Amino acid sequence: MDPAAVLDIARETMILAAKLAAPVLVTSLVVGFVVSLVQSVTQIQEVTLSFVPKAVAAALALLVTGQWMISSLVEFTTSLYAQIPALVGS
């Protein structure tokens, strides 16, 4: 197995990890920003007020994009298994 193949697999893995994490992270970021903005305007500094909406939004993002995440991960894993003979033979 040559170093170029290892680097290529690592690059693809990192890109896939970023794509899979993006919907939940972006949703939590937007909801957190909106809640922080509301908290600063109303001067309500309650910890649970920022945590609960972010948790609910993250769960909704997982429900909406979960099927795509699983199919992407299965497709990537299948392609890795298909590459094994070529990687071992080189």
N, C-alpha and C. Protein backbone atom coordinates (compact mmCIF):
# COMPACT_ATOMS: atom_id res chain seq x y z
N MET A 1 0.85 -1.17 0.00
CA MET A 1 0.00 0.00 0.00
C MET A 1 0.90 1.23 0.00
N ASP A 2 0.75 2.05 -1.02
CA ASP A 2 1.63 3.21 -1.12
C ASP A 2 1.08 4.40 -0.33
N PRO A 3 1.95 5.32 0.02
CA PRO A 3 1.53 6.48 0.83
C PRO A 3 0.48 7.35 0.15
N ALA A 4 0.50 7.40 -1.17
CA ALA A 4 -0.49 8.22 -1.88
C ALA A 4 -1.90 7.67 -1.69
N ALA A 5 -2.03 6.36 -1.68
CA ALA A 5 -3.35 5.74 -1.47
C ALA A 5 -3.84 6.01 -0.05
N VAL A 6 -2.93 5.94 0.91
CA VAL A 6 -3.31 6.20 2.30
C VAL A 6 -3.76 7.65 2.46
N LEU A 7 -3.03 8.57 1.86
CA LEU A 7 -3.40 9.98 1.93
C LEU A 7 -4.72 10.25 1.23
N ASP A 8 -4.97 9.57 0.12
CA ASP A 8 -6.23 9.74 -0.60
C ASP A 8 -7.41 9.24 0.24
N ILE A 9 -7.24 8.09 0.86
CA ILE A 9 -8.30 7.55 1.72
C ILE A 9 -8.53 8.47 2.92
N ALA A 10 -7.45 8.97 3.51
CA ALA A 10 -7.58 9.88 4.65
C ALA A 10 -8.28 11.17 4.25
N ARG A 11 -7.94 11.69 3.06
CA ARG A 11 -8.59 12.92 2.58
C ARG A 11 -10.08 12.70 2.37
N GLU A 12 -10.42 11.59 1.73
CA GLU A 12 -11.84 11.28 1.49
C GLU A 12 -12.60 11.10 2.80
N THR A 13 -11.93 10.48 3.78
CA THR A 13 -12.56 10.28 5.08
C THR A 13 -12.83 11.60 5.78
N MET A 14 -11.87 12.50 5.74
CA MET A 14 -12.04 13.81 6.38
C MET A 14 -13.14 14.62 5.70
N ILE A 15 -13.20 14.56 4.39
CA ILE A 15 -14.25 15.28 3.66
C ILE A 15 -15.61 14.71 4.01
N LEU A 16 -15.72 13.39 4.05
CA LEU A 16 -16.99 12.77 4.40
C LEU A 16 -17.39 13.11 5.84
N ALA A 17 -16.44 13.11 6.75
CA ALA A 17 -16.74 13.47 8.14
C ALA A 17 -17.25 14.90 8.24
N ALA A 18 -16.66 15.80 7.48
CA ALA A 18 -17.11 17.19 7.49
C ALA A 18 -18.51 17.31 6.90
N LYS A 19 -18.76 16.58 5.81
CA LYS A 19 -20.09 16.63 5.20
C LYS A 19 -21.16 16.07 6.13
N LEU A 20 -20.82 15.00 6.86
CA LEU A 20 -21.80 14.39 7.74
C LEU A 20 -22.05 15.24 8.99
N ALA A 21 -21.05 15.94 9.46
CA ALA A 21 -21.20 16.76 10.66
C ALA A 21 -21.82 18.12 10.36
N ALA A 22 -21.72 18.58 9.14
CA ALA A 22 -22.15 19.93 8.80
C ALA A 22 -23.62 20.23 9.11
N PRO A 23 -24.58 19.38 8.73
CA PRO A 23 -25.98 19.76 9.00
C PRO A 23 -26.28 19.98 10.49
N VAL A 24 -25.78 19.11 11.34
CA VAL A 24 -26.05 19.25 12.77
C VAL A 24 -25.31 20.46 13.34
N LEU A 25 -24.06 20.64 12.94
CA LEU A 25 -23.27 21.76 13.47
C LEU A 25 -23.81 23.11 13.01
N VAL A 26 -24.17 23.21 11.74
CA VAL A 26 -24.68 24.49 11.23
C VAL A 26 -26.02 24.81 11.87
N THR A 27 -26.87 23.79 12.03
CA THR A 27 -28.16 24.01 12.67
C THR A 27 -27.98 24.48 14.10
N SER A 28 -27.11 23.82 14.83
CA SER A 28 -26.85 24.21 16.22
C SER A 28 -26.24 25.61 16.30
N LEU A 29 -25.38 25.93 15.36
CA LEU A 29 -24.77 27.26 15.34
C LEU A 29 -25.81 28.35 15.11
N VAL A 30 -26.69 28.13 14.15
CA VAL A 30 -27.71 29.14 13.84
C VAL A 30 -28.68 29.30 15.00
N VAL A 31 -29.14 28.19 15.56
CA VAL A 31 -30.08 28.26 16.68
C VAL A 31 -29.40 28.89 17.89
N GLY A 32 -28.15 28.53 18.16
CA GLY A 32 -27.42 29.14 19.27
C GLY A 32 -27.25 30.64 19.09
N PHE A 33 -26.99 31.07 17.87
CA PHE A 33 -26.85 32.51 17.61
C PHE A 33 -28.15 33.24 17.84
N VAL A 34 -29.25 32.66 17.35
CA VAL A 34 -30.56 33.30 17.52
C VAL A 34 -30.94 33.36 19.00
N VAL A 35 -30.72 32.28 19.72
CA VAL A 35 -31.05 32.27 21.15
C VAL A 35 -30.16 33.26 21.90
N SER A 36 -28.89 33.33 21.56
CA SER A 36 -28.00 34.30 22.21
C SER A 36 -28.42 35.73 21.92
N LEU A 37 -28.86 35.96 20.70
CA LEU A 37 -29.34 37.30 20.34
C LEU A 37 -30.58 37.65 21.15
N VAL A 38 -31.50 36.72 21.27
CA VAL A 38 -32.71 36.95 22.07
C VAL A 38 -32.35 37.15 23.54
N GLN A 39 -31.42 36.37 24.04
CA GLN A 39 -31.00 36.52 25.44
C GLN A 39 -30.34 37.87 25.69
N SER A 40 -29.56 38.33 24.75
CA SER A 40 -28.90 39.62 24.96
C SER A 40 -29.88 40.78 24.86
N VAL A 41 -30.88 40.63 24.01
CA VAL A 41 -31.88 41.70 23.88
C VAL A 41 -32.77 41.75 25.12
N THR A 42 -33.20 40.58 25.59
CA THR A 42 -34.10 40.54 26.73
C THR A 42 -33.38 40.48 28.07
N GLN A 43 -32.08 40.33 28.06
CA GLN A 43 -31.23 40.24 29.25
C GLN A 43 -31.62 39.08 30.16
N ILE A 44 -32.08 38.00 29.55
CA ILE A 44 -32.36 36.76 30.29
C ILE A 44 -31.16 35.86 30.11
N GLN A 45 -30.48 35.54 31.19
CA GLN A 45 -29.27 34.72 31.11
C GLN A 45 -29.52 33.36 31.77
N GLU A 46 -30.34 32.56 31.15
CA GLU A 46 -30.65 31.21 31.65
C GLU A 46 -29.92 30.19 30.79
N VAL A 47 -29.19 29.26 31.41
CA VAL A 47 -28.38 28.29 30.69
C VAL A 47 -29.26 27.33 29.90
N THR A 48 -30.35 26.86 30.50
CA THR A 48 -31.21 25.90 29.81
C THR A 48 -31.91 26.52 28.62
N LEU A 49 -32.05 27.82 28.63
CA LEU A 49 -32.70 28.49 27.51
C LEU A 49 -31.86 28.38 26.23
N SER A 50 -30.56 28.24 26.37
CA SER A 50 -29.73 28.08 25.17
C SER A 50 -29.50 26.61 24.83
N PHE A 51 -29.53 25.73 25.84
CA PHE A 51 -29.24 24.32 25.60
C PHE A 51 -30.40 23.58 24.97
N VAL A 52 -31.58 23.75 25.48
CA VAL A 52 -32.74 22.98 25.01
C VAL A 52 -33.06 23.25 23.54
N PRO A 53 -33.13 24.49 23.09
CA PRO A 53 -33.41 24.69 21.66
C PRO A 53 -32.34 24.10 20.74
N LYS A 54 -31.06 24.19 21.16
CA LYS A 54 -30.00 23.60 20.34
C LYS A 54 -30.12 22.09 20.29
N ALA A 55 -30.46 21.46 21.40
CA ALA A 55 -30.62 20.01 21.42
C ALA A 55 -31.80 19.58 20.54
N VAL A 56 -32.89 20.31 20.61
CA VAL A 56 -34.06 19.99 19.78
C VAL A 56 -33.74 20.21 18.31
N ALA A 57 -33.04 21.28 17.99
CA ALA A 57 -32.68 21.56 16.59
C ALA A 57 -31.71 20.50 16.06
N ALA A 58 -30.78 20.07 16.88
CA ALA A 58 -29.84 19.02 16.45
C ALA A 58 -30.58 17.71 16.20
N ALA A 59 -31.54 17.39 17.06
CA ALA A 59 -32.33 16.18 16.86
C ALA A 59 -33.15 16.26 15.58
N LEU A 60 -33.74 17.42 15.32
CA LEU A 60 -34.50 17.60 14.08
C LEU A 60 -33.59 17.51 12.85
N ALA A 61 -32.40 18.06 12.95
CA ALA A 61 -31.46 17.97 11.83
C ALA A 61 -31.06 16.53 11.57
N LEU A 62 -30.90 15.75 12.63
CA LEU A 62 -30.59 14.33 12.46
C LEU A 62 -31.76 13.58 11.85
N LEU A 63 -32.97 13.93 12.24
CA LEU A 63 -34.14 13.28 11.66
C LEU A 63 -34.28 13.60 10.17
N VAL A 64 -34.00 14.84 9.82
CA VAL A 64 -34.16 15.26 8.42
C VAL A 64 -33.04 14.70 7.54
N THR A 65 -31.81 14.74 8.01
CA THR A 65 -30.67 14.34 7.18
C THR A 65 -30.10 12.97 7.52
N GLY A 66 -30.72 12.26 8.45
CA GLY A 66 -30.18 10.98 8.89
C GLY A 66 -30.08 9.95 7.79
N GLN A 67 -31.11 9.86 6.95
CA GLN A 67 -31.09 8.88 5.86
C GLN A 67 -29.95 9.16 4.88
N TRP A 68 -29.75 10.42 4.57
CA TRP A 68 -28.65 10.79 3.67
C TRP A 68 -27.30 10.47 4.32
N MET A 69 -27.18 10.72 5.62
CA MET A 69 -25.93 10.44 6.32
C MET A 69 -25.61 8.94 6.28
N ILE A 70 -26.59 8.13 6.57
CA ILE A 70 -26.37 6.68 6.58
C ILE A 70 -26.02 6.18 5.19
N SER A 71 -26.75 6.65 4.18
CA SER A 71 -26.47 6.18 2.82
C SER A 71 -25.08 6.63 2.36
N SER A 72 -24.66 7.82 2.72
CA SER A 72 -23.32 8.29 2.36
C SER A 72 -22.25 7.44 3.04
N LEU A 73 -22.47 7.13 4.30
CA LEU A 73 -21.50 6.34 5.04
C LEU A 73 -21.43 4.91 4.51
N VAL A 74 -22.56 4.33 4.16
CA VAL A 74 -22.58 2.97 3.61
C VAL A 74 -21.90 2.95 2.24
N GLU A 75 -22.16 3.97 1.43
CA GLU A 75 -21.52 4.05 0.11
C GLU A 75 -20.01 4.18 0.23
N PHE A 76 -19.55 5.00 1.17
CA PHE A 76 -18.11 5.17 1.38
C PHE A 76 -17.47 3.87 1.87
N THR A 77 -18.12 3.21 2.82
CA THR A 77 -17.59 1.95 3.35
C THR A 77 -17.54 0.88 2.27
N THR A 78 -18.57 0.82 1.44
CA THR A 78 -18.60 -0.15 0.35
C THR A 78 -17.46 0.12 -0.64
N SER A 79 -17.21 1.38 -0.93
CA SER A 79 -16.12 1.70 -1.85
C SER A 79 -14.76 1.36 -1.23
N LEU A 80 -14.63 1.53 0.08
CA LEU A 80 -13.38 1.14 0.74
C LEU A 80 -13.16 -0.37 0.66
N TYR A 81 -14.22 -1.13 0.92
CA TYR A 81 -14.09 -2.58 0.82
C TYR A 81 -13.77 -3.01 -0.61
N ALA A 82 -14.31 -2.30 -1.59
CA ALA A 82 -14.04 -2.64 -2.98
C ALA A 82 -12.58 -2.33 -3.35
N GLN A 83 -11.97 -1.38 -2.67
CA GLN A 83 -10.59 -0.99 -2.95
C GLN A 83 -9.56 -1.91 -2.30
N ILE A 84 -9.97 -2.75 -1.39
CA ILE A 84 -9.02 -3.60 -0.64
C ILE A 84 -8.15 -4.45 -1.56
N PRO A 85 -8.70 -5.17 -2.55
CA PRO A 85 -7.81 -5.98 -3.40
C PRO A 85 -6.75 -5.16 -4.13
N ALA A 86 -7.12 -3.99 -4.61
CA ALA A 86 -6.16 -3.15 -5.32
C ALA A 86 -5.10 -2.60 -4.35
N LEU A 87 -5.50 -2.30 -3.14
CA LEU A 87 -4.54 -1.75 -2.17
C LEU A 87 -3.57 -2.81 -1.67
N VAL A 88 -4.05 -4.01 -1.47
CA VAL A 88 -3.19 -5.09 -0.99
C VAL A 88 -2.25 -5.57 -2.10
N GLY A 89 -2.75 -5.58 -3.33
CA GLY A 89 -1.94 -6.07 -4.44
C GLY A 89 -0.81 -5.16 -4.85
N SER A 90 -0.87 -3.88 -4.46
CA SER A 90 0.17 -2.96 -4.91
C SER A 90 1.36 -2.90 -4.02
